[in-house]
Amino acid sequence: MRRRAASKTRTEEDYFRQFLDGVWPTEPVVKIYRIGSNGKQVCLDSLSVEMVKPGVLRIVGADNVLNHIRVQFGPGKYLLRTVYSNGRFGPSRVVHIG
């Protein structure tokens, strides 16, 4: 007995995301969030990112990012999250700055 592959039905949101992907370039930014003691995230700033090649991103001035956060916002726990222009999230990293 053969099984039929479950077909994925596309939603209106899927079509809209595909439309956005075609209209706007997906130039990402890295958003900086402070993570509070209760786990709540508050967006503080964003950094420009350049796409070196597909799948490889480089933060402009990457050598100064942690120092920038330390001077600008002080010690704490921060989330650095890649956000593409179509609203999708990319890689993220939690950093502790003392």
PDB file of N, CA and C in Angstrom:
ATOM      1  N   MET A   1       0.843  -1.173   0.000  1.00  0.00           N
ATOM      2  CA  MET A   1       0.000   0.000   0.000  1.00  0.00           C
ATOM      3  C   MET A   1       0.894   1.244   0.000  1.00  0.00           C
ATOM      4  N   ARG A   2       0.646   2.156  -0.896  1.00  0.00           N
ATOM      5  CA  ARG A   2       1.442   3.373  -1.036  1.00  0.00           C
ATOM      6  C   ARG A   2       0.823   4.503  -0.226  1.00  0.00           C
ATOM      7  N   ARG A   3       1.715   5.266   0.343  1.00  0.00           N
ATOM      8  CA  ARG A   3       1.262   6.448   1.063  1.00  0.00           C
ATOM      9  C   ARG A   3       1.368   7.659   0.153  1.00  0.00           C
ATOM     10  N   ARG A   4       0.428   8.530   0.285  1.00  0.00           N
ATOM     11  CA  ARG A   4       0.486   9.783  -0.456  1.00  0.00           C
ATOM     12  C   ARG A   4       1.250  10.793   0.373  1.00  0.00           C
ATOM     13  N   ALA A   5       2.115  11.508  -0.264  1.00  0.00           N
ATOM     14  CA  ALA A   5       2.872  12.546   0.428  1.00  0.00           C
ATOM     15  C   ALA A   5       1.915  13.653   0.851  1.00  0.00           C
ATOM     16  N   ALA A   6       2.059  14.074   2.076  1.00  0.00           N
ATOM     17  CA  ALA A   6       1.212  15.154   2.579  1.00  0.00           C
ATOM     18  C   ALA A   6       1.579  16.445   1.854  1.00  0.00           C
ATOM     19  N   SER A   7       0.608  17.030   1.214  1.00  0.00           N
ATOM     20  CA  SER A   7       0.883  18.263   0.493  1.00  0.00           C
ATOM     21  C   SER A   7       0.753  19.448   1.441  1.00  0.00           C
ATOM     22  N   LYS A   8       1.700  20.358   1.336  1.00  0.00           N
ATOM     23  CA  LYS A   8       1.670  21.550   2.171  1.00  0.00           C
ATOM     24  C   LYS A   8       0.824  22.590   1.456  1.00  0.00           C
ATOM     25  N   THR A   9      -0.193  23.036   2.127  1.00  0.00           N
ATOM     26  CA  THR A   9      -1.024  24.075   1.533  1.00  0.00           C
ATOM     27  C   THR A   9      -0.397  25.423   1.847  1.00  0.00           C
ATOM     28  N   ARG A  10      -0.299  26.254   0.841  1.00  0.00           N
ATOM     29  CA  ARG A  10       0.313  27.570   1.005  1.00  0.00           C
ATOM     30  C   ARG A  10      -0.723  28.547   1.526  1.00  0.00           C
ATOM     31  N   THR A  11      -0.318  29.307   2.499  1.00  0.00           N
ATOM     32  CA  THR A  11      -1.216  30.287   3.086  1.00  0.00           C
ATOM     33  C   THR A  11      -1.006  31.637   2.411  1.00  0.00           C
ATOM     34  N   GLU A  12      -1.877  32.550   2.734  1.00  0.00           N
ATOM     35  CA  GLU A  12      -1.759  33.908   2.200  1.00  0.00           C
ATOM     36  C   GLU A  12      -0.445  34.549   2.672  1.00  0.00           C
ATOM     37  N   GLU A  13      -0.024  34.213   3.900  1.00  0.00           N
ATOM     38  CA  GLU A  13       1.238  34.742   4.422  1.00  0.00           C
ATOM     39  C   GLU A  13       2.420  34.236   3.598  1.00  0.00           C
ATOM     40  N   ASP A  14       2.386  32.970   3.171  1.00  0.00           N
ATOM     41  CA  ASP A  14       3.456  32.429   2.328  1.00  0.00           C
ATOM     42  C   ASP A  14       3.563  33.204   1.018  1.00  0.00           C
ATOM     43  N   TYR A  15       2.420  33.469   0.397  1.00  0.00           N
ATOM     44  CA  TYR A  15       2.419  34.228  -0.855  1.00  0.00           C
ATOM     45  C   TYR A  15       2.931  35.651  -0.633  1.00  0.00           C
ATOM     46  N   PHE A  16       2.535  36.256   0.495  1.00  0.00           N
ATOM     47  CA  PHE A  16       2.973  37.616   0.796  1.00  0.00           C
ATOM     48  C   PHE A  16       4.483  37.662   1.017  1.00  0.00           C
ATOM     49  N   ARG A  17       5.041  36.683   1.767  1.00  0.00           N
ATOM     50  CA  ARG A  17       6.496  36.634   1.985  1.00  0.00           C
ATOM     51  C   ARG A  17       7.235  36.448   0.661  1.00  0.00           C
ATOM     52  N   GLN A  18       6.700  35.609  -0.211  1.00  0.00           N
ATOM     53  CA  GLN A  18       7.329  35.408  -1.515  1.00  0.00           C
ATOM     54  C   GLN A  18       7.304  36.710  -2.313  1.00  0.00           C
ATOM     55  N   PHE A  19       6.206  37.442  -2.233  1.00  0.00           N
ATOM     56  CA  PHE A  19       6.100  38.732  -2.902  1.00  0.00           C
ATOM     57  C   PHE A  19       7.145  39.704  -2.351  1.00  0.00           C
ATOM     58  N   LEU A  20       7.263  39.789  -1.016  1.00  0.00           N
ATOM     59  CA  LEU A  20       8.238  40.687  -0.405  1.00  0.00           C
ATOM     60  C   LEU A  20       9.667  40.313  -0.780  1.00  0.00           C
ATOM     61  N   ASP A  21       9.946  39.012  -0.829  1.00  0.00           N
ATOM     62  CA  ASP A  21      11.288  38.567  -1.217  1.00  0.00           C
ATOM     63  C   ASP A  21      11.639  39.032  -2.621  1.00  0.00           C
ATOM     64  N   GLY A  22      10.638  39.086  -3.501  1.00  0.00           N
ATOM     65  CA  GLY A  22      10.881  39.506  -4.868  1.00  0.00           C
ATOM     66  C   GLY A  22      10.971  41.007  -5.045  1.00  0.00           C
ATOM     67  N   VAL A  23      10.318  41.749  -4.169  1.00  0.00           N
ATOM     68  CA  VAL A  23      10.259  43.198  -4.305  1.00  0.00           C
ATOM     69  C   VAL A  23      11.453  43.879  -3.645  1.00  0.00           C
ATOM     70  N   TRP A  24      11.723  43.530  -2.395  1.00  0.00           N
ATOM     71  CA  TRP A  24      12.791  44.171  -1.647  1.00  0.00           C
ATOM     72  C   TRP A  24      14.004  43.271  -1.535  1.00  0.00           C
ATOM     73  N   PRO A  25      15.190  43.843  -1.633  1.00  0.00           N
ATOM     74  CA  PRO A  25      16.385  43.042  -1.381  1.00  0.00           C
ATOM     75  C   PRO A  25      16.441  42.693   0.107  1.00  0.00           C
ATOM     76  N   THR A  26      17.036  41.590   0.416  1.00  0.00           N
ATOM     77  CA  THR A  26      17.093  41.154   1.810  1.00  0.00           C
ATOM     78  C   THR A  26      18.409  41.591   2.445  1.00  0.00           C
ATOM     79  N   GLU A  27      18.624  42.904   2.514  1.00  0.00           N
ATOM     80  CA  GLU A  27      19.800  43.441   3.184  1.00  0.00           C
ATOM     81  C   GLU A  27      19.549  43.367   4.685  1.00  0.00           C
ATOM     82  N   PRO A  28      20.313  42.574   5.384  1.00  0.00           N
ATOM     83  CA  PRO A  28      20.054  42.385   6.806  1.00  0.00           C
ATOM     84  C   PRO A  28      20.647  43.486   7.675  1.00  0.00           C
ATOM     85  N   VAL A  29      20.151  43.581   8.895  1.00  0.00           N
ATOM     86  CA  VAL A  29      20.732  44.411   9.940  1.00  0.00           C
ATOM     87  C   VAL A  29      20.868  43.524  11.176  1.00  0.00           C
ATOM     88  N   VAL A  30      21.753  43.906  12.080  1.00  0.00           N
ATOM     89  CA  VAL A  30      21.874  43.206  13.354  1.00  0.00           C
ATOM     90  C   VAL A  30      21.275  44.125  14.407  1.00  0.00           C
ATOM     91  N   LYS A  31      20.228  43.658  15.073  1.00  0.00           N
ATOM     92  CA  LYS A  31      19.590  44.442  16.125  1.00  0.00           C
ATOM     93  C   LYS A  31      20.166  44.016  17.464  1.00  0.00           C
ATOM     94  N   ILE A  32      20.364  44.993  18.328  1.00  0.00           N
ATOM     95  CA  ILE A  32      20.911  44.752  19.662  1.00  0.00           C
ATOM     96  C   ILE A  32      19.772  44.858  20.665  1.00  0.00           C
ATOM     97  N   TYR A  33      19.534  43.779  21.407  1.00  0.00           N
ATOM     98  CA  TYR A  33      18.509  43.738  22.438  1.00  0.00           C
ATOM     99  C   TYR A  33      19.168  43.553  23.795  1.00  0.00           C
ATOM    100  N   ARG A  34      18.732  44.307  24.804  1.00  0.00           N
ATOM    101  CA  ARG A  34      19.158  44.046  26.178  1.00  0.00           C
ATOM    102  C   ARG A  34      18.191  43.010  26.740  1.00  0.00           C
ATOM    103  N   ILE A  35      18.751  41.983  27.378  1.00  0.00           N
ATOM    104  CA  ILE A  35      17.925  40.951  28.009  1.00  0.00           C
ATOM    105  C   ILE A  35      17.877  41.263  29.496  1.00  0.00           C
ATOM    106  N   GLY A  36      16.696  41.567  29.993  1.00  0.00           N
ATOM    107  CA  GLY A  36      16.523  41.907  31.402  1.00  0.00           C
ATOM    108  C   GLY A  36      16.579  40.672  32.292  1.00  0.00           C
ATOM    109  N   SER A  37      16.591  40.893  33.598  1.00  0.00           N
ATOM    110  CA  SER A  37      16.651  39.783  34.550  1.00  0.00           C
ATOM    111  C   SER A  37      15.410  38.893  34.475  1.00  0.00           C
ATOM    112  N   ASN A  38      14.295  39.456  33.973  1.00  0.00           N
ATOM    113  CA  ASN A  38      13.066  38.678  33.817  1.00  0.00           C
ATOM    114  C   ASN A  38      12.987  37.998  32.440  1.00  0.00           C
ATOM    115  N   GLY A  39      14.028  38.172  31.606  1.00  0.00           N
ATOM    116  CA  GLY A  39      14.058  37.554  30.277  1.00  0.00           C
ATOM    117  C   GLY A  39      13.466  38.417  29.179  1.00  0.00           C
ATOM    118  N   LYS A  40      12.908  39.565  29.547  1.00  0.00           N
ATOM    119  CA  LYS A  40      12.304  40.459  28.556  1.00  0.00           C
ATOM    120  C   LYS A  40      13.391  41.108  27.705  1.00  0.00           C
ATOM    121  N   GLN A  41      13.144  41.210  26.390  1.00  0.00           N
ATOM    122  CA  GLN A  41      14.109  41.787  25.458  1.00  0.00           C
ATOM    123  C   GLN A  41      13.644  43.181  25.039  1.00  0.00           C
ATOM    124  N   VAL A  42      14.582  44.129  25.082  1.00  0.00           N
ATOM    125  CA  VAL A  42      14.290  45.505  24.672  1.00  0.00           C
ATOM    126  C   VAL A  42      15.284  45.882  23.584  1.00  0.00           C
ATOM    127  N   CYS A  43      14.773  46.275  22.411  1.00  0.00           N
ATOM    128  CA  CYS A  43      15.643  46.654  21.296  1.00  0.00           C
ATOM    129  C   CYS A  43      16.267  48.014  21.578  1.00  0.00           C
ATOM    130  N   LEU A  44      17.606  48.072  21.457  1.00  0.00           N
ATOM    131  CA  LEU A  44      18.335  49.300  21.761  1.00  0.00           C
ATOM    132  C   LEU A  44      18.901  49.993  20.536  1.00  0.00           C
ATOM    133  N   ASP A  45      19.385  49.216  19.575  1.00  0.00           N
ATOM    134  CA  ASP A  45      20.120  49.799  18.453  1.00  0.00           C
ATOM    135  C   ASP A  45      20.156  48.781  17.316  1.00  0.00           C
ATOM    136  N   SER A  46      20.632  49.205  16.156  1.00  0.00           N
ATOM    137  CA  SER A  46      20.846  48.271  15.038  1.00  0.00           C
ATOM    138  C   SER A  46      22.156  48.624  14.342  1.00  0.00           C
ATOM    139  N   LEU A  47      22.781  47.615  13.777  1.00  0.00           N
ATOM    140  CA  LEU A  47      24.054  47.769  13.089  1.00  0.00           C
ATOM    141  C   LEU A  47      23.913  47.350  11.634  1.00  0.00           C
ATOM    142  N   SER A  48      24.613  48.037  10.760  1.00  0.00           N
ATOM    143  CA  SER A  48      24.597  47.679   9.339  1.00  0.00           C
ATOM    144  C   SER A  48      25.395  46.396   9.114  1.00  0.00           C
ATOM    145  N   VAL A  49      24.909  45.604   8.188  1.00  0.00           N
ATOM    146  CA  VAL A  49      25.571  44.349   7.830  1.00  0.00           C
ATOM    147  C   VAL A  49      25.705  44.311   6.320  1.00  0.00           C
ATOM    148  N   GLU A  50      26.850  43.855   5.830  1.00  0.00           N
ATOM    149  CA  GLU A  50      26.985  43.688   4.393  1.00  0.00           C
ATOM    150  C   GLU A  50      27.070  42.200   4.071  1.00  0.00           C
ATOM    151  N   MET A  51      26.458  41.828   2.952  1.00  0.00           N
ATOM    152  CA  MET A  51      26.466  40.446   2.519  1.00  0.00           C
ATOM    153  C   MET A  51      27.679  40.256   1.612  1.00  0.00           C
ATOM    154  N   VAL A  52      28.675  39.496   2.104  1.00  0.00           N
ATOM    155  CA  VAL A  52      29.900  39.253   1.344  1.00  0.00           C
ATOM    156  C   VAL A  52      29.603  38.330   0.167  1.00  0.00           C
ATOM    157  N   LYS A  53      28.892  37.245   0.444  1.00  0.00           N
ATOM    158  CA  LYS A  53      28.387  36.310  -0.558  1.00  0.00           C
ATOM    159  C   LYS A  53      27.216  35.600   0.084  1.00  0.00           C
ATOM    160  N   PRO A  54      26.407  34.896  -0.658  1.00  0.00           N
ATOM    161  CA  PRO A  54      25.241  34.240  -0.062  1.00  0.00           C
ATOM    162  C   PRO A  54      25.624  33.376   1.139  1.00  0.00           C
ATOM    163  N   GLY A  55      25.001  33.653   2.265  1.00  0.00           N
ATOM    164  CA  GLY A  55      25.268  32.902   3.481  1.00  0.00           C
ATOM    165  C   GLY A  55      26.398  33.439   4.328  1.00  0.00           C
ATOM    166  N   VAL A  56      27.121  34.463   3.842  1.00  0.00           N
ATOM    167  CA  VAL A  56      28.238  35.035   4.603  1.00  0.00           C
ATOM    168  C   VAL A  56      27.970  36.519   4.821  1.00  0.00           C
ATOM    169  N   LEU A  57      27.815  36.889   6.094  1.00  0.00           N
ATOM    170  CA  LEU A  57      27.535  38.272   6.458  1.00  0.00           C
ATOM    171  C   LEU A  57      28.714  38.858   7.207  1.00  0.00           C
ATOM    172  N   ARG A  58      28.907  40.172   7.070  1.00  0.00           N
ATOM    173  CA  ARG A  58      29.974  40.841   7.799  1.00  0.00           C
ATOM    174  C   ARG A  58      29.401  42.121   8.401  1.00  0.00           C
ATOM    175  N   ILE A  59      29.610  42.267   9.715  1.00  0.00           N
ATOM    176  CA  ILE A  59      29.169  43.477  10.392  1.00  0.00           C
ATOM    177  C   ILE A  59      30.196  44.568  10.110  1.00  0.00           C
ATOM    178  N   VAL A  60      29.726  45.715   9.665  1.00  0.00           N
ATOM    179  CA  VAL A  60      30.611  46.836   9.393  1.00  0.00           C
ATOM    180  C   VAL A  60      31.197  47.297  10.727  1.00  0.00           C
ATOM    181  N   GLY A  61      32.529  47.302  10.827  1.00  0.00           N
ATOM    182  CA  GLY A  61      33.197  47.662  12.077  1.00  0.00           C
ATOM    183  C   GLY A  61      33.076  46.598  13.140  1.00  0.00           C
ATOM    184  N   ALA A  62      33.118  45.329  12.748  1.00  0.00           N
ATOM    185  CA  ALA A  62      32.888  44.207  13.659  1.00  0.00           C
ATOM    186  C   ALA A  62      33.851  44.175  14.840  1.00  0.00           C
ATOM    187  N   ASP A  63      35.057  44.674  14.643  1.00  0.00           N
ATOM    188  CA  ASP A  63      36.039  44.627  15.721  1.00  0.00           C
ATOM    189  C   ASP A  63      35.660  45.537  16.888  1.00  0.00           C
ATOM    190  N   ASN A  64      34.756  46.481  16.684  1.00  0.00           N
ATOM    191  CA  ASN A  64      34.370  47.425  17.733  1.00  0.00           C
ATOM    192  C   ASN A  64      32.961  47.199  18.277  1.00  0.00           C
ATOM    193  N   VAL A  65      32.281  46.139  17.860  1.00  0.00           N
ATOM    194  CA  VAL A  65      30.879  45.947  18.241  1.00  0.00           C
ATOM    195  C   VAL A  65      30.730  45.796  19.754  1.00  0.00           C
ATOM    196  N   LEU A  66      31.488  44.888  20.362  1.00  0.00           N
ATOM    197  CA  LEU A  66      31.349  44.668  21.799  1.00  0.00           C
ATOM    198  C   LEU A  66      31.764  45.900  22.594  1.00  0.00           C
ATOM    199  N   ASN A  67      32.785  46.586  22.135  1.00  0.00           N
ATOM    200  CA  ASN A  67      33.199  47.815  22.805  1.00  0.00           C
ATOM    201  C   ASN A  67      32.111  48.884  22.666  1.00  0.00           C
ATOM    202  N   HIS A  68      31.499  48.982  21.489  1.00  0.00           N
ATOM    203  CA  HIS A  68      30.393  49.927  21.264  1.00  0.00           C
ATOM    204  C   HIS A  68      29.254  49.652  22.239  1.00  0.00           C
ATOM    205  N   ILE A  69      28.896  48.385  22.409  1.00  0.00           N
ATOM    206  CA  ILE A  69      27.814  48.022  23.335  1.00  0.00           C
ATOM    207  C   ILE A  69      28.212  48.369  24.765  1.00  0.00           C
ATOM    208  N   ARG A  70      29.438  48.059  25.150  1.00  0.00           N
ATOM    209  CA  ARG A  70      29.926  48.333  26.510  1.00  0.00           C
ATOM    210  C   ARG A  70      29.869  49.831  26.821  1.00  0.00           C
ATOM    211  N   VAL A  71      30.356  50.654  25.900  1.00  0.00           N
ATOM    212  CA  VAL A  71      30.389  52.102  26.125  1.00  0.00           C
ATOM    213  C   VAL A  71      28.993  52.705  26.060  1.00  0.00           C
ATOM    214  N   GLN A  72      28.216  52.304  25.072  1.00  0.00           N
ATOM    215  CA  GLN A  72      26.899  52.910  24.829  1.00  0.00           C
ATOM    216  C   GLN A  72      25.848  52.480  25.860  1.00  0.00           C
ATOM    217  N   PHE A  73      25.830  51.193  26.232  1.00  0.00           N
ATOM    218  CA  PHE A  73      24.730  50.664  27.039  1.00  0.00           C
ATOM    219  C   PHE A  73      25.145  50.085  28.381  1.00  0.00           C
ATOM    220  N   GLY A  74      26.451  49.911  28.619  1.00  0.00           N
ATOM    221  CA  GLY A  74      26.923  49.411  29.907  1.00  0.00           C
ATOM    222  C   GLY A  74      26.923  47.893  29.980  1.00  0.00           C
ATOM    223  N   PRO A  75      27.307  47.362  31.145  1.00  0.00           N
ATOM    224  CA  PRO A  75      27.381  45.910  31.310  1.00  0.00           C
ATOM    225  C   PRO A  75      25.988  45.277  31.305  1.00  0.00           C
ATOM    226  N   GLY A  76      25.948  44.017  30.925  1.00  0.00           N
ATOM    227  CA  GLY A  76      24.682  43.295  30.915  1.00  0.00           C
ATOM    228  C   GLY A  76      24.703  42.141  29.941  1.00  0.00           C
ATOM    229  N   LYS A  77      23.528  41.569  29.740  1.00  0.00           N
ATOM    230  CA  LYS A  77      23.338  40.443  28.823  1.00  0.00           C
ATOM    231  C   LYS A  77      22.584  40.972  27.603  1.00  0.00           C
ATOM    232  N   TYR A  78      23.136  40.707  26.416  1.00  0.00           N
ATOM    233  CA  TYR A  78      22.573  41.257  25.178  1.00  0.00           C
ATOM    234  C   TYR A  78      22.355  40.162  24.149  1.00  0.00           C
ATOM    235  N   LEU A  79      21.347  40.360  23.321  1.00  0.00           N
ATOM    236  CA  LEU A  79      21.074  39.472  22.195  1.00  0.00           C
ATOM    237  C   LEU A  79      21.375  40.240  20.919  1.00  0.00           C
ATOM    238  N   LEU A  80      22.243  39.684  20.073  1.00  0.00           N
ATOM    239  CA  LEU A  80      22.518  40.252  18.750  1.00  0.00           C
ATOM    240  C   LEU A  80      21.769  39.383  17.755  1.00  0.00           C
ATOM    241  N   ARG A  81      20.791  39.946  17.070  1.00  0.00           N
ATOM    242  CA  ARG A  81      19.920  39.164  16.189  1.00  0.00           C
ATOM    243  C   ARG A  81      19.928  39.737  14.779  1.00  0.00           C
ATOM    244  N   THR A  82      20.160  38.877  13.798  1.00  0.00           N
ATOM    245  CA  THR A  82      20.097  39.281  12.401  1.00  0.00           C
ATOM    246  C   THR A  82      18.633  39.351  11.984  1.00  0.00           C
ATOM    247  N   VAL A  83      18.250  40.466  11.370  1.00  0.00           N
ATOM    248  CA  VAL A  83      16.885  40.639  10.880  1.00  0.00           C
ATOM    249  C   VAL A  83      16.974  41.076   9.422  1.00  0.00           C
ATOM    250  N   TYR A  84      16.333  40.313   8.548  1.00  0.00           N
ATOM    251  CA  TYR A  84      16.317  40.648   7.128  1.00  0.00           C
ATOM    252  C   TYR A  84      15.199  41.648   6.861  1.00  0.00           C
ATOM    253  N   SER A  85      15.283  42.356   5.759  1.00  0.00           N
ATOM    254  CA  SER A  85      14.310  43.413   5.461  1.00  0.00           C
ATOM    255  C   SER A  85      12.894  42.881   5.266  1.00  0.00           C
ATOM    256  N   ASN A  86      12.756  41.592   5.012  1.00  0.00           N
ATOM    257  CA  ASN A  86      11.415  41.026   4.861  1.00  0.00           C
ATOM    258  C   ASN A  86      10.842  40.554   6.195  1.00  0.00           C
ATOM    259  N   GLY A  87      11.567  40.830   7.303  1.00  0.00           N
ATOM    260  CA  GLY A  87      11.059  40.498   8.629  1.00  0.00           C
ATOM    261  C   GLY A  87      11.515  39.158   9.175  1.00  0.00           C
ATOM    262  N   ARG A  88      12.173  38.373   8.383  1.00  0.00           N
ATOM    263  CA  ARG A  88      12.641  37.077   8.861  1.00  0.00           C
ATOM    264  C   ARG A  88      13.892  37.247   9.708  1.00  0.00           C
ATOM    265  N   PHE A  89      14.020  36.346  10.693  1.00  0.00           N
ATOM    266  CA  PHE A  89      15.184  36.368  11.559  1.00  0.00           C
ATOM    267  C   PHE A  89      16.265  35.444  11.029  1.00  0.00           C
ATOM    268  N   GLY A  90      17.503  35.852  11.186  1.00  0.00           N
ATOM    269  CA  GLY A  90      18.650  35.032  10.820  1.00  0.00           C
ATOM    270  C   GLY A  90      19.360  34.588  12.081  1.00  0.00           C
ATOM    271  N   PRO A  91      20.659  34.322  11.972  1.00  0.00           N
ATOM    272  CA  PRO A  91      21.414  33.873  13.138  1.00  0.00           C
ATOM    273  C   PRO A  91      21.418  34.905  14.265  1.00  0.00           C
ATOM    274  N   SER A  92      21.490  34.419  15.491  1.00  0.00           N
ATOM    275  CA  SER A  92      21.575  35.310  16.641  1.00  0.00           C
ATOM    276  C   SER A  92      22.597  34.777  17.628  1.00  0.00           C
ATOM    277  N   ARG A  93      23.010  35.653  18.540  1.00  0.00           N
ATOM    278  CA  ARG A  93      24.032  35.283  19.527  1.00  0.00           C
ATOM    279  C   ARG A  93      23.783  36.083  20.792  1.00  0.00           C
ATOM    280  N   VAL A  94      23.882  35.427  21.944  1.00  0.00           N
ATOM    281  CA  VAL A  94      23.790  36.108  23.238  1.00  0.00           C
ATOM    282  C   VAL A  94      25.204  36.398  23.706  1.00  0.00           C
ATOM    283  N   VAL A  95      25.444  37.644  24.141  1.00  0.00           N
ATOM    284  CA  VAL A  95      26.758  38.032  24.656  1.00  0.00           C
ATOM    285  C   VAL A  95      26.588  38.638  26.045  1.00  0.00           C
ATOM    286  N   HIS A  96      27.561  38.357  26.909  1.00  0.00           N
ATOM    287  CA  HIS A  96      27.592  38.908  28.262  1.00  0.00           C
ATOM    288  C   HIS A  96      28.719  39.932  28.308  1.00  0.00           C
ATOM    289  N   ILE A  97      28.379  41.150  28.671  1.00  0.00           N
ATOM    290  CA  ILE A  97      29.374  42.214  28.737  1.00  0.00           C
ATOM    291  C   ILE A  97      29.498  42.645  30.194  1.00  0.00           C
ATOM    292  N   GLY A  98      30.733  42.542  30.710  1.00  0.00           N
ATOM    293  CA  GLY A  98      30.962  42.859  32.135  1.00  0.00           C
ATOM    294  C   GLY A  98      31.555  44.201  32.363  1.00  0.00           C
TER     295      GLY A  98
END
